[in-house]
Structures are given as C-alpha cells and as structure tokens.
Amino acid sequence: ISLIIASIIGVIAYRLAVFAAFASVMKDSPTNKLEVVGTFITPQFATSVTASCINFVIIMILNFLYERVAIKITDM
C-alpha cells in the first residue's frame, strides 16, 4: 500500500514540476507559430501525455508485483 501511495504522490509531484517547466519553456516556443498544431501543443497537453506514459509504466510494474505476491500467498 505504501508503494502505491508513493507512486501516486510521485506522479502528482512530477505533473506539478513538469507543468511549471513546460509553461515557462513553451510560452516562447516556435510551436506557437505553427497554425495547425500550435494550439494543440500546450503545457497541459504535454504534461498529460508524459504523466499518462508514466502511469502506464507504474501500472505494468505493479501488476507484475501483484502477480508475484498473489502466487506466493497462494502457495503459502
């Protein structure tokens, strides 16, 4: 349970830090001048996409660990 809570807190801290970094870097970015994709590439979008990828990796790792724990508990 502690591992899950630490993962959640880690992702939240990541989202806050990356949003602040992307907001400062992307405000003067050349992508703002692109007519087609300039409006879609925002700090919120960039943070959401990267945080989603991190959530996916965490879910896969925890799924692997849960499976191992379930097998050990079943064997006991």
N, C-alpha and C. Protein backbone atom coordinates (compact mmCIF):
# COMPACT_ATOMS: atom_id res chain seq x y z
N ILE A 1 0.84 -1.19 0.00
CA ILE A 1 0.00 0.00 0.00
C ILE A 1 0.88 1.25 0.00
N SER A 2 1.98 1.18 0.74
CA SER A 2 2.90 2.33 0.77
C SER A 2 3.50 2.60 -0.61
N LEU A 3 3.79 1.54 -1.35
CA LEU A 3 4.33 1.69 -2.69
C LEU A 3 3.33 2.38 -3.61
N ILE A 4 2.07 2.04 -3.49
CA ILE A 4 1.02 2.66 -4.31
C ILE A 4 0.89 4.14 -3.96
N ILE A 5 0.85 4.46 -2.68
CA ILE A 5 0.72 5.85 -2.26
C ILE A 5 1.95 6.66 -2.70
N ALA A 6 3.13 6.07 -2.58
CA ALA A 6 4.34 6.76 -3.03
C ALA A 6 4.31 7.00 -4.54
N SER A 7 3.79 6.04 -5.30
CA SER A 7 3.68 6.20 -6.75
C SER A 7 2.73 7.33 -7.10
N ILE A 8 1.62 7.39 -6.42
CA ILE A 8 0.63 8.45 -6.68
C ILE A 8 1.22 9.82 -6.36
N ILE A 9 1.86 9.92 -5.21
CA ILE A 9 2.47 11.20 -4.82
C ILE A 9 3.58 11.58 -5.80
N GLY A 10 4.34 10.60 -6.25
CA GLY A 10 5.40 10.86 -7.22
C GLY A 10 4.86 11.39 -8.54
N VAL A 11 3.77 10.81 -9.02
CA VAL A 11 3.19 11.28 -10.29
C VAL A 11 2.62 12.68 -10.12
N ILE A 12 1.99 12.95 -8.99
CA ILE A 12 1.44 14.29 -8.75
C ILE A 12 2.57 15.32 -8.70
N ALA A 13 3.64 15.00 -7.99
CA ALA A 13 4.79 15.92 -7.93
C ALA A 13 5.40 16.11 -9.31
N TYR A 14 5.48 15.02 -10.09
CA TYR A 14 6.01 15.11 -11.45
C TYR A 14 5.14 16.05 -12.29
N ARG A 15 3.83 15.88 -12.21
CA ARG A 15 2.93 16.72 -13.02
C ARG A 15 3.09 18.19 -12.67
N LEU A 16 3.21 18.50 -11.38
CA LEU A 16 3.37 19.90 -10.99
C LEU A 16 4.69 20.48 -11.48
N ALA A 17 5.75 19.72 -11.31
CA ALA A 17 7.08 20.20 -11.72
C ALA A 17 7.18 20.35 -13.23
N VAL A 18 6.69 19.36 -13.95
CA VAL A 18 6.79 19.40 -15.42
C VAL A 18 5.87 20.47 -16.00
N PHE A 19 4.70 20.65 -15.40
CA PHE A 19 3.82 21.70 -15.89
C PHE A 19 4.48 23.06 -15.76
N ALA A 20 5.11 23.31 -14.62
CA ALA A 20 5.79 24.59 -14.43
C ALA A 20 6.94 24.75 -15.43
N ALA A 21 7.68 23.67 -15.66
CA ALA A 21 8.80 23.74 -16.60
C ALA A 21 8.29 23.95 -18.03
N PHE A 22 7.29 23.18 -18.44
CA PHE A 22 6.75 23.32 -19.80
C PHE A 22 6.12 24.69 -19.99
N ALA A 23 5.44 25.20 -18.97
CA ALA A 23 4.80 26.51 -19.11
C ALA A 23 5.83 27.60 -19.35
N SER A 24 6.97 27.52 -18.67
CA SER A 24 7.98 28.56 -18.86
C SER A 24 8.72 28.39 -20.18
N VAL A 25 8.92 27.15 -20.63
CA VAL A 25 9.67 26.90 -21.86
C VAL A 25 8.78 27.09 -23.09
N MET A 26 7.54 26.65 -23.02
CA MET A 26 6.69 26.62 -24.21
C MET A 26 6.00 27.94 -24.52
N LYS A 27 6.04 28.92 -23.61
CA LYS A 27 5.35 30.17 -23.91
C LYS A 27 6.00 30.92 -25.06
N ASP A 28 7.31 30.79 -25.22
CA ASP A 28 8.02 31.44 -26.32
C ASP A 28 8.48 30.43 -27.36
N SER A 29 7.86 29.27 -27.37
CA SER A 29 8.27 28.18 -28.25
C SER A 29 7.89 28.46 -29.70
N PRO A 30 8.68 27.95 -30.65
CA PRO A 30 8.33 28.12 -32.06
C PRO A 30 7.06 27.38 -32.46
N THR A 31 6.61 26.40 -31.63
CA THR A 31 5.37 25.70 -31.99
C THR A 31 4.16 26.61 -31.88
N ASN A 32 4.26 27.69 -31.14
CA ASN A 32 3.13 28.63 -31.05
C ASN A 32 2.86 29.30 -32.38
N LYS A 33 3.86 29.34 -33.25
CA LYS A 33 3.70 30.00 -34.54
C LYS A 33 3.16 29.05 -35.62
N LEU A 34 3.09 27.78 -35.32
CA LEU A 34 2.53 26.82 -36.28
C LEU A 34 1.01 26.89 -36.24
N GLU A 35 0.40 27.04 -37.39
CA GLU A 35 -1.05 27.23 -37.43
C GLU A 35 -1.82 25.96 -37.11
N VAL A 36 -1.33 24.81 -37.58
CA VAL A 36 -2.09 23.58 -37.44
C VAL A 36 -1.98 22.98 -36.05
N VAL A 37 -0.76 22.79 -35.55
CA VAL A 37 -0.58 22.10 -34.27
C VAL A 37 -0.24 23.04 -33.13
N GLY A 38 -0.02 24.30 -33.40
CA GLY A 38 0.39 25.23 -32.36
C GLY A 38 -0.61 25.35 -31.23
N THR A 39 -1.90 25.27 -31.54
CA THR A 39 -2.91 25.40 -30.50
C THR A 39 -3.07 24.13 -29.69
N PHE A 40 -2.66 22.98 -30.23
CA PHE A 40 -2.81 21.71 -29.52
C PHE A 40 -1.65 21.41 -28.59
N ILE A 41 -0.47 21.95 -28.88
CA ILE A 41 0.70 21.69 -28.05
C ILE A 41 0.75 22.74 -26.95
N THR A 42 0.16 22.38 -25.83
CA THR A 42 0.11 23.27 -24.68
C THR A 42 0.81 22.61 -23.50
N PRO A 43 1.15 23.36 -22.49
CA PRO A 43 1.76 22.73 -21.30
C PRO A 43 0.86 21.67 -20.67
N GLN A 44 -0.45 21.90 -20.66
CA GLN A 44 -1.38 20.92 -20.11
C GLN A 44 -1.34 19.63 -20.90
N PHE A 45 -1.32 19.73 -22.22
CA PHE A 45 -1.29 18.55 -23.08
C PHE A 45 0.02 17.78 -22.91
N ALA A 46 1.13 18.51 -22.93
CA ALA A 46 2.43 17.86 -22.79
C ALA A 46 2.56 17.16 -21.44
N THR A 47 2.09 17.81 -20.39
CA THR A 47 2.14 17.21 -19.06
C THR A 47 1.23 15.99 -18.98
N SER A 48 0.04 16.08 -19.54
CA SER A 48 -0.89 14.95 -19.50
C SER A 48 -0.35 13.74 -20.24
N VAL A 49 0.25 13.97 -21.39
CA VAL A 49 0.77 12.85 -22.19
C VAL A 49 1.93 12.17 -21.46
N THR A 50 2.86 12.94 -20.95
CA THR A 50 4.00 12.32 -20.28
C THR A 50 3.58 11.65 -18.97
N ALA A 51 2.67 12.26 -18.23
CA ALA A 51 2.19 11.66 -16.98
C ALA A 51 1.41 10.38 -17.27
N SER A 52 0.67 10.35 -18.37
CA SER A 52 -0.04 9.13 -18.75
C SER A 52 0.92 7.99 -19.05
N CYS A 53 2.00 8.31 -19.72
CA CYS A 53 3.02 7.28 -20.00
C CYS A 53 3.64 6.76 -18.71
N ILE A 54 3.92 7.65 -17.79
CA ILE A 54 4.48 7.22 -16.51
C ILE A 54 3.47 6.38 -15.74
N ASN A 55 2.20 6.78 -15.74
CA ASN A 55 1.16 5.97 -15.09
C ASN A 55 1.09 4.58 -15.70
N PHE A 56 1.20 4.49 -17.00
CA PHE A 56 1.17 3.19 -17.68
C PHE A 56 2.31 2.31 -17.21
N VAL A 57 3.51 2.87 -17.14
CA VAL A 57 4.67 2.09 -16.69
C VAL A 57 4.48 1.63 -15.25
N ILE A 58 4.00 2.52 -14.40
CA ILE A 58 3.78 2.16 -12.99
C ILE A 58 2.74 1.05 -12.88
N ILE A 59 1.67 1.14 -13.65
CA ILE A 59 0.64 0.11 -13.62
C ILE A 59 1.20 -1.23 -14.05
N MET A 60 2.02 -1.24 -15.08
CA MET A 60 2.60 -2.51 -15.55
C MET A 60 3.54 -3.11 -14.51
N ILE A 61 4.34 -2.28 -13.86
CA ILE A 61 5.26 -2.77 -12.83
C ILE A 61 4.48 -3.31 -11.63
N LEU A 62 3.49 -2.55 -11.17
CA LEU A 62 2.72 -3.00 -10.03
C LEU A 62 1.91 -4.25 -10.35
N ASN A 63 1.43 -4.38 -11.57
CA ASN A 63 0.72 -5.59 -11.98
C ASN A 63 1.64 -6.80 -11.88
N PHE A 64 2.87 -6.63 -12.31
CA PHE A 64 3.86 -7.71 -12.21
C PHE A 64 4.10 -8.08 -10.74
N LEU A 65 4.27 -7.06 -9.88
CA LEU A 65 4.50 -7.32 -8.47
C LEU A 65 3.29 -7.97 -7.80
N TYR A 66 2.07 -7.51 -8.13
CA TYR A 66 0.86 -8.09 -7.56
C TYR A 66 0.73 -9.56 -7.93
N GLU A 67 1.08 -9.87 -9.17
CA GLU A 67 1.01 -11.26 -9.62
C GLU A 67 1.96 -12.14 -8.82
N ARG A 68 3.18 -11.65 -8.61
CA ARG A 68 4.17 -12.41 -7.82
C ARG A 68 3.69 -12.60 -6.38
N VAL A 69 3.15 -11.56 -5.80
CA VAL A 69 2.66 -11.65 -4.41
C VAL A 69 1.49 -12.61 -4.33
N ALA A 70 0.59 -12.56 -5.29
CA ALA A 70 -0.57 -13.46 -5.29
C ALA A 70 -0.13 -14.92 -5.39
N ILE A 71 0.87 -15.19 -6.21
CA ILE A 71 1.37 -16.55 -6.35
C ILE A 71 2.00 -17.02 -5.03
N LYS A 72 2.80 -16.17 -4.41
CA LYS A 72 3.44 -16.53 -3.13
C LYS A 72 2.40 -16.78 -2.04
N ILE A 73 1.40 -15.91 -1.97
CA ILE A 73 0.36 -16.08 -0.94
C ILE A 73 -0.44 -17.35 -1.20
N THR A 74 -0.73 -17.63 -2.47
CA THR A 74 -1.48 -18.85 -2.81
C THR A 74 -0.67 -20.09 -2.44
N ASP A 75 0.63 -20.07 -2.69
CA ASP A 75 1.49 -21.20 -2.34
C ASP A 75 1.57 -21.42 -0.84
N MET A 76 1.50 -20.35 -0.07
CA MET A 76 1.56 -20.48 1.38
C MET A 76 0.30 -21.14 1.90
